[in-house]
Amino acid sequence: MATRHQARQAVVSLLYSHEMSGVSEEFLEEFLNERKIRNERREDVVRAFNEILAKKDAIDRKLKEYLKDGDIEKVGVVERNILRLGVYEMTLGEADTAVIINEAVELAKELTSDTSPRFINGVLGAIKASK
C-alpha cells in the first residue's frame, strides 16, 4: 500500500498533468495502477485531486493573499500545485498544520528547485500564522 507521502506525490503529479494537458479517466486509472496506489489511498488521491480542482478558485484566492505580488500564475506549476495541496489539507483539519507544511516542503525538495522549499514553507507558514 502506498504511503501518505506517495499519495501526496500522486496528487501533485495529477494536478500538474491536469494543468499541462488534462487528465482523462483512463489516464487517472493507468497512473494510479502504475504507482501501485490502491484501496483507501487510491480513494484519498482521487478525492483530493477532484476536490482541489473543484475548489481551485477559492484555494488560489487564499494563496494570492500570501504571495508578494498576488499573482499565482507567476508561481511555477509544480510549486503552485504543492501549495494548492497544502491549503486544501489545511482546510480539512485532518492533520497537524506543521505536518502538512513539512510534507509540502519535502515534496518541494523532491520535485522542484533549490529555492522552492523555502518559498513553500514561507507561504504555508504565513497562512498557518494567520489562523
N, C-alpha and C. Protein backbone atom coordinates (compact mmCIF):
# COMPACT_ATOMS: atom_id res chain seq x y z
N MET A 1 0.85 -1.18 0.00
CA MET A 1 0.00 0.00 0.00
C MET A 1 0.89 1.25 0.00
N ALA A 2 0.46 2.21 -0.74
CA ALA A 2 1.21 3.46 -0.85
C ALA A 2 1.16 4.22 0.48
N THR A 3 2.22 4.96 0.74
CA THR A 3 2.26 5.79 1.94
C THR A 3 1.49 7.09 1.70
N ARG A 4 1.26 7.84 2.75
CA ARG A 4 0.61 9.15 2.59
C ARG A 4 1.47 10.07 1.74
N HIS A 5 2.77 9.98 1.93
CA HIS A 5 3.69 10.82 1.15
C HIS A 5 3.57 10.47 -0.34
N GLN A 6 3.53 9.20 -0.66
CA GLN A 6 3.37 8.78 -2.06
C GLN A 6 2.02 9.24 -2.61
N ALA A 7 1.01 9.22 -1.77
CA ALA A 7 -0.31 9.70 -2.19
C ALA A 7 -0.25 11.20 -2.49
N ARG A 8 0.44 11.95 -1.65
CA ARG A 8 0.60 13.40 -1.90
C ARG A 8 1.37 13.65 -3.20
N GLN A 9 2.42 12.87 -3.42
CA GLN A 9 3.17 12.98 -4.68
C GLN A 9 2.24 12.75 -5.86
N ALA A 10 1.40 11.76 -5.74
CA ALA A 10 0.46 11.43 -6.82
C ALA A 10 -0.51 12.57 -7.07
N VAL A 11 -1.02 13.17 -6.02
CA VAL A 11 -1.96 14.29 -6.18
C VAL A 11 -1.28 15.44 -6.90
N VAL A 12 -0.07 15.79 -6.48
CA VAL A 12 0.67 16.88 -7.12
C VAL A 12 0.92 16.55 -8.59
N SER A 13 1.31 15.33 -8.87
CA SER A 13 1.55 14.91 -10.26
C SER A 13 0.29 15.00 -11.10
N LEU A 14 -0.83 14.58 -10.54
CA LEU A 14 -2.10 14.65 -11.27
C LEU A 14 -2.52 16.09 -11.51
N LEU A 15 -2.35 16.94 -10.51
CA LEU A 15 -2.68 18.36 -10.69
C LEU A 15 -1.81 18.98 -11.77
N TYR A 16 -0.53 18.62 -11.77
CA TYR A 16 0.40 19.10 -12.79
C TYR A 16 -0.06 18.64 -14.17
N SER A 17 -0.34 17.36 -14.29
CA SER A 17 -0.79 16.80 -15.57
C SER A 17 -2.08 17.47 -16.04
N HIS A 18 -2.97 17.71 -15.11
CA HIS A 18 -4.23 18.37 -15.45
C HIS A 18 -3.98 19.76 -16.02
N GLU A 19 -3.06 20.49 -15.39
CA GLU A 19 -2.75 21.84 -15.87
C GLU A 19 -2.08 21.82 -17.23
N MET A 20 -1.25 20.82 -17.47
CA MET A 20 -0.48 20.77 -18.72
C MET A 20 -1.33 20.28 -19.89
N SER A 21 -2.11 19.22 -19.67
CA SER A 21 -2.83 18.64 -20.81
C SER A 21 -4.17 17.99 -20.46
N GLY A 22 -4.57 18.07 -19.23
CA GLY A 22 -5.82 17.44 -18.83
C GLY A 22 -5.58 16.01 -18.36
N VAL A 23 -6.53 15.48 -17.63
CA VAL A 23 -6.44 14.12 -17.09
C VAL A 23 -7.73 13.40 -17.41
N SER A 24 -7.63 12.40 -18.28
CA SER A 24 -8.81 11.58 -18.59
C SER A 24 -8.98 10.50 -17.52
N GLU A 25 -10.13 9.90 -17.49
CA GLU A 25 -10.39 8.82 -16.54
C GLU A 25 -9.44 7.66 -16.80
N GLU A 26 -9.17 7.41 -18.07
CA GLU A 26 -8.25 6.34 -18.46
C GLU A 26 -6.83 6.63 -17.95
N PHE A 27 -6.38 7.87 -18.14
CA PHE A 27 -5.06 8.27 -17.66
C PHE A 27 -4.99 8.12 -16.14
N LEU A 28 -6.02 8.58 -15.45
CA LEU A 28 -6.06 8.50 -13.99
C LEU A 28 -5.90 7.06 -13.52
N GLU A 29 -6.67 6.16 -14.10
CA GLU A 29 -6.60 4.75 -13.70
C GLU A 29 -5.22 4.16 -13.98
N GLU A 30 -4.69 4.44 -15.16
CA GLU A 30 -3.37 3.92 -15.52
C GLU A 30 -2.29 4.47 -14.59
N PHE A 31 -2.36 5.76 -14.31
CA PHE A 31 -1.39 6.42 -13.43
C PHE A 31 -1.40 5.79 -12.04
N LEU A 32 -2.59 5.62 -11.47
CA LEU A 32 -2.70 5.04 -10.13
C LEU A 32 -2.24 3.59 -10.11
N ASN A 33 -2.55 2.84 -11.16
CA ASN A 33 -2.09 1.44 -11.25
C ASN A 33 -0.57 1.36 -11.34
N GLU A 34 0.04 2.22 -12.16
CA GLU A 34 1.49 2.23 -12.29
C GLU A 34 2.19 2.53 -10.97
N ARG A 35 1.60 3.42 -10.20
CA ARG A 35 2.19 3.80 -8.91
C ARG A 35 1.79 2.87 -7.77
N LYS A 36 1.00 1.87 -8.10
CA LYS A 36 0.52 0.89 -7.11
C LYS A 36 -0.22 1.56 -5.95
N ILE A 37 -1.04 2.52 -6.31
CA ILE A 37 -1.86 3.21 -5.30
C ILE A 37 -3.23 2.54 -5.34
N ARG A 38 -3.55 1.87 -4.25
CA ARG A 38 -4.75 1.04 -4.21
C ARG A 38 -5.60 1.36 -2.97
N ASN A 39 -6.78 0.80 -3.00
CA ASN A 39 -7.70 0.79 -1.87
C ASN A 39 -7.96 2.18 -1.31
N GLU A 40 -7.78 2.32 0.00
CA GLU A 40 -8.10 3.58 0.67
C GLU A 40 -7.24 4.74 0.17
N ARG A 41 -5.97 4.50 -0.07
CA ARG A 41 -5.08 5.57 -0.59
C ARG A 41 -5.55 6.03 -1.96
N ARG A 42 -5.99 5.10 -2.78
CA ARG A 42 -6.50 5.42 -4.11
C ARG A 42 -7.69 6.37 -3.98
N GLU A 43 -8.61 6.02 -3.09
CA GLU A 43 -9.78 6.87 -2.85
C GLU A 43 -9.35 8.25 -2.35
N ASP A 44 -8.36 8.29 -1.46
CA ASP A 44 -7.85 9.56 -0.94
C ASP A 44 -7.27 10.43 -2.05
N VAL A 45 -6.49 9.82 -2.93
CA VAL A 45 -5.87 10.56 -4.03
C VAL A 45 -6.92 11.11 -4.97
N VAL A 46 -7.86 10.27 -5.37
CA VAL A 46 -8.91 10.71 -6.31
C VAL A 46 -9.76 11.80 -5.68
N ARG A 47 -10.11 11.63 -4.42
CA ARG A 47 -10.92 12.64 -3.73
C ARG A 47 -10.18 13.97 -3.63
N ALA A 48 -8.92 13.93 -3.21
CA ALA A 48 -8.14 15.17 -3.08
C ALA A 48 -7.98 15.84 -4.44
N PHE A 49 -7.65 15.08 -5.46
CA PHE A 49 -7.48 15.63 -6.80
C PHE A 49 -8.77 16.32 -7.26
N ASN A 50 -9.89 15.63 -7.15
CA ASN A 50 -11.16 16.20 -7.59
C ASN A 50 -11.60 17.41 -6.76
N GLU A 51 -11.41 17.33 -5.45
CA GLU A 51 -11.82 18.44 -4.59
C GLU A 51 -10.93 19.66 -4.79
N ILE A 52 -9.65 19.47 -5.01
CA ILE A 52 -8.77 20.61 -5.27
C ILE A 52 -9.18 21.28 -6.58
N LEU A 53 -9.48 20.48 -7.59
CA LEU A 53 -9.94 21.07 -8.85
C LEU A 53 -11.25 21.84 -8.66
N ALA A 54 -12.16 21.26 -7.90
CA ALA A 54 -13.46 21.90 -7.66
C ALA A 54 -13.31 23.20 -6.86
N LYS A 55 -12.33 23.25 -5.96
CA LYS A 55 -12.15 24.41 -5.07
C LYS A 55 -10.97 25.28 -5.49
N LYS A 56 -10.45 25.05 -6.69
CA LYS A 56 -9.23 25.72 -7.14
C LYS A 56 -9.31 27.24 -7.05
N ASP A 57 -10.42 27.82 -7.46
CA ASP A 57 -10.54 29.28 -7.42
C ASP A 57 -10.45 29.81 -5.99
N ALA A 58 -11.13 29.15 -5.06
CA ALA A 58 -11.09 29.58 -3.66
C ALA A 58 -9.70 29.37 -3.07
N ILE A 59 -9.07 28.25 -3.39
CA ILE A 59 -7.72 27.98 -2.90
C ILE A 59 -6.75 29.02 -3.46
N ASP A 60 -6.87 29.32 -4.75
CA ASP A 60 -5.98 30.31 -5.36
C ASP A 60 -6.19 31.70 -4.78
N ARG A 61 -7.43 32.06 -4.46
CA ARG A 61 -7.68 33.36 -3.82
C ARG A 61 -6.97 33.43 -2.47
N LYS A 62 -7.03 32.35 -1.73
CA LYS A 62 -6.35 32.28 -0.43
C LYS A 62 -4.85 32.44 -0.62
N LEU A 63 -4.29 31.73 -1.59
CA LEU A 63 -2.85 31.81 -1.84
C LEU A 63 -2.43 33.21 -2.27
N LYS A 64 -3.23 33.85 -3.08
CA LYS A 64 -2.89 35.19 -3.58
C LYS A 64 -2.70 36.19 -2.45
N GLU A 65 -3.42 35.98 -1.35
CA GLU A 65 -3.29 36.87 -0.19
C GLU A 65 -1.88 36.82 0.40
N TYR A 66 -1.18 35.71 0.19
CA TYR A 66 0.11 35.50 0.84
C TYR A 66 1.29 35.51 -0.14
N LEU A 67 1.02 35.84 -1.38
CA LEU A 67 2.09 35.97 -2.36
C LEU A 67 2.48 37.43 -2.47
N LYS A 68 3.78 37.68 -2.64
CA LYS A 68 4.30 39.04 -2.69
C LYS A 68 3.55 39.93 -3.67
N ASP A 69 3.42 39.46 -4.90
CA ASP A 69 2.73 40.28 -5.89
C ASP A 69 1.30 39.81 -6.14
N GLY A 70 0.86 38.81 -5.43
CA GLY A 70 -0.51 38.34 -5.52
C GLY A 70 -0.85 37.62 -6.82
N ASP A 71 0.16 37.23 -7.58
CA ASP A 71 -0.08 36.60 -8.87
C ASP A 71 0.29 35.13 -8.82
N ILE A 72 -0.70 34.28 -8.69
CA ILE A 72 -0.48 32.84 -8.59
C ILE A 72 0.10 32.27 -9.88
N GLU A 73 -0.17 32.91 -11.00
CA GLU A 73 0.31 32.41 -12.29
C GLU A 73 1.83 32.57 -12.45
N LYS A 74 2.44 33.43 -11.66
CA LYS A 74 3.90 33.60 -11.71
C LYS A 74 4.64 32.51 -10.94
N VAL A 75 3.91 31.77 -10.13
CA VAL A 75 4.49 30.67 -9.36
C VAL A 75 4.61 29.47 -10.31
N GLY A 76 5.72 28.75 -10.23
CA GLY A 76 5.91 27.57 -11.06
C GLY A 76 4.77 26.58 -10.90
N VAL A 77 4.51 25.81 -11.94
CA VAL A 77 3.37 24.89 -11.95
C VAL A 77 3.45 23.87 -10.82
N VAL A 78 4.61 23.28 -10.61
CA VAL A 78 4.74 22.27 -9.55
C VAL A 78 4.58 22.94 -8.18
N GLU A 79 5.24 24.06 -7.98
CA GLU A 79 5.13 24.79 -6.71
C GLU A 79 3.68 25.19 -6.43
N ARG A 80 3.02 25.69 -7.46
CA ARG A 80 1.63 26.13 -7.34
C ARG A 80 0.75 24.96 -6.87
N ASN A 81 0.99 23.78 -7.43
CA ASN A 81 0.16 22.64 -7.06
C ASN A 81 0.52 22.04 -5.70
N ILE A 82 1.77 22.17 -5.30
CA ILE A 82 2.13 21.79 -3.92
C ILE A 82 1.43 22.73 -2.95
N LEU A 83 1.42 24.01 -3.24
CA LEU A 83 0.73 24.98 -2.39
C LEU A 83 -0.77 24.70 -2.34
N ARG A 84 -1.36 24.39 -3.48
CA ARG A 84 -2.80 24.07 -3.51
C ARG A 84 -3.11 22.88 -2.63
N LEU A 85 -2.28 21.85 -2.72
CA LEU A 85 -2.47 20.67 -1.87
C LEU A 85 -2.34 21.04 -0.40
N GLY A 86 -1.34 21.86 -0.07
CA GLY A 86 -1.15 22.28 1.31
C GLY A 86 -2.35 23.04 1.86
N VAL A 87 -2.85 24.00 1.09
CA VAL A 87 -4.01 24.77 1.53
C VAL A 87 -5.23 23.87 1.67
N TYR A 88 -5.42 22.99 0.72
CA TYR A 88 -6.54 22.04 0.77
C TYR A 88 -6.46 21.20 2.04
N GLU A 89 -5.29 20.65 2.34
CA GLU A 89 -5.15 19.83 3.54
C GLU A 89 -5.35 20.64 4.82
N MET A 90 -4.90 21.89 4.80
CA MET A 90 -5.09 22.76 5.98
C MET A 90 -6.58 22.99 6.23
N THR A 91 -7.36 23.13 5.19
CA THR A 91 -8.79 23.39 5.37
C THR A 91 -9.53 22.16 5.86
N LEU A 92 -8.98 20.97 5.59
CA LEU A 92 -9.63 19.75 6.07
C LEU A 92 -9.49 19.59 7.57
N GLY A 93 -8.34 20.03 8.10
CA GLY A 93 -8.11 19.92 9.54
C GLY A 93 -7.89 18.51 10.02
N GLU A 94 -7.57 17.58 9.10
CA GLU A 94 -7.37 16.18 9.49
C GLU A 94 -5.96 15.89 10.00
N ALA A 95 -5.02 16.77 9.66
CA ALA A 95 -3.63 16.58 10.08
C ALA A 95 -3.12 17.87 10.71
N ASP A 96 -2.12 17.73 11.54
CA ASP A 96 -1.49 18.88 12.16
C ASP A 96 -0.89 19.77 11.07
N THR A 97 -1.06 21.08 11.20
CA THR A 97 -0.58 22.01 10.19
C THR A 97 0.93 21.91 10.01
N ALA A 98 1.66 21.69 11.07
CA ALA A 98 3.12 21.55 10.96
C ALA A 98 3.48 20.35 10.09
N VAL A 99 2.73 19.26 10.20
CA VAL A 99 2.97 18.07 9.39
C VAL A 99 2.68 18.37 7.93
N ILE A 100 1.59 19.08 7.68
CA ILE A 100 1.21 19.45 6.30
C ILE A 100 2.30 20.31 5.67
N ILE A 101 2.78 21.29 6.41
CA ILE A 101 3.84 22.17 5.88
C ILE A 101 5.11 21.37 5.64
N ASN A 102 5.48 20.51 6.58
CA ASN A 102 6.68 19.69 6.41
C ASN A 102 6.57 18.80 5.18
N GLU A 103 5.42 18.18 4.98
CA GLU A 103 5.22 17.33 3.80
C GLU A 103 5.32 18.14 2.52
N ALA A 104 4.76 19.34 2.52
CA ALA A 104 4.83 20.21 1.34
C ALA A 104 6.28 20.58 1.04
N VAL A 105 7.04 20.89 2.07
CA VAL A 105 8.46 21.22 1.90
C VAL A 105 9.22 20.00 1.36
N GLU A 106 8.93 18.82 1.87
CA GLU A 106 9.58 17.61 1.37
C GLU A 106 9.25 17.36 -0.10
N LEU A 107 7.99 17.59 -0.47
CA LEU A 107 7.61 17.45 -1.88
C LEU A 107 8.39 18.45 -2.74
N ALA A 108 8.52 19.67 -2.24
CA ALA A 108 9.25 20.69 -2.98
C ALA A 108 10.72 20.30 -3.14
N LYS A 109 11.31 19.71 -2.10
CA LYS A 109 12.70 19.26 -2.19
C LYS A 109 12.87 18.19 -3.26
N GLU A 110 11.88 17.32 -3.38
CA GLU A 110 11.94 16.22 -4.33
C GLU A 110 11.62 16.65 -5.76
N LEU A 111 10.72 17.61 -5.91
CA LEU A 111 10.15 17.88 -7.23
C LEU A 111 10.51 19.22 -7.85
N THR A 112 11.18 20.10 -7.10
CA THR A 112 11.40 21.46 -7.60
C THR A 112 12.84 21.92 -7.42
N SER A 113 13.05 23.21 -7.60
CA SER A 113 14.38 23.80 -7.49
C SER A 113 14.80 23.99 -6.03
N ASP A 114 16.05 24.40 -5.84
CA ASP A 114 16.60 24.58 -4.50
C ASP A 114 15.91 25.66 -3.68
N THR A 115 15.36 26.69 -4.34
CA THR A 115 14.74 27.80 -3.61
C THR A 115 13.28 27.53 -3.26
N SER A 116 12.67 26.58 -3.92
CA SER A 116 11.24 26.33 -3.73
C SER A 116 10.84 25.86 -2.33
N PRO A 117 11.60 24.96 -1.69
CA PRO A 117 11.18 24.54 -0.35
C PRO A 117 11.02 25.71 0.62
N ARG A 118 11.96 26.64 0.56
CA ARG A 118 11.88 27.81 1.44
C ARG A 118 10.63 28.65 1.12
N PHE A 119 10.37 28.84 -0.17
CA PHE A 119 9.21 29.59 -0.62
C PHE A 119 7.91 28.92 -0.15
N ILE A 120 7.80 27.62 -0.36
CA ILE A 120 6.62 26.84 0.06
C ILE A 120 6.43 26.97 1.57
N ASN A 121 7.51 26.81 2.32
CA ASN A 121 7.45 26.93 3.78
C ASN A 121 6.97 28.32 4.20
N GLY A 122 7.48 29.35 3.54
CA GLY A 122 7.09 30.71 3.88
C GLY A 122 5.62 31.00 3.63
N VAL A 123 5.13 30.58 2.48
CA VAL A 123 3.72 30.85 2.14
C VAL A 123 2.80 30.07 3.07
N LEU A 124 3.03 28.77 3.22
CA LEU A 124 2.15 27.96 4.07
C LEU A 124 2.29 28.35 5.54
N GLY A 125 3.51 28.72 5.95
CA GLY A 125 3.71 29.19 7.33
C GLY A 125 2.95 30.48 7.61
N ALA A 126 2.91 31.37 6.64
CA ALA A 126 2.16 32.63 6.81
C ALA A 126 0.66 32.35 6.91
N ILE A 127 0.18 31.40 6.13
CA ILE A 127 -1.24 31.02 6.19
C ILE A 127 -1.55 30.43 7.57
N LYS A 128 -0.65 29.56 8.04
CA LYS A 128 -0.84 28.95 9.37
C LYS A 128 -0.88 30.04 10.45
N ALA A 129 0.04 31.01 10.36
CA ALA A 129 0.13 32.06 11.37
C ALA A 129 -1.10 32.95 11.40
N SER A 130 -1.80 33.04 10.27
CA SER A 130 -2.96 33.93 10.19
C SER A 130 -4.21 33.30 10.78
N LYS A 131 -4.17 32.03 11.08
CA LYS A 131 -5.38 31.33 11.58
C LYS A 131 -5.62 31.65 13.04
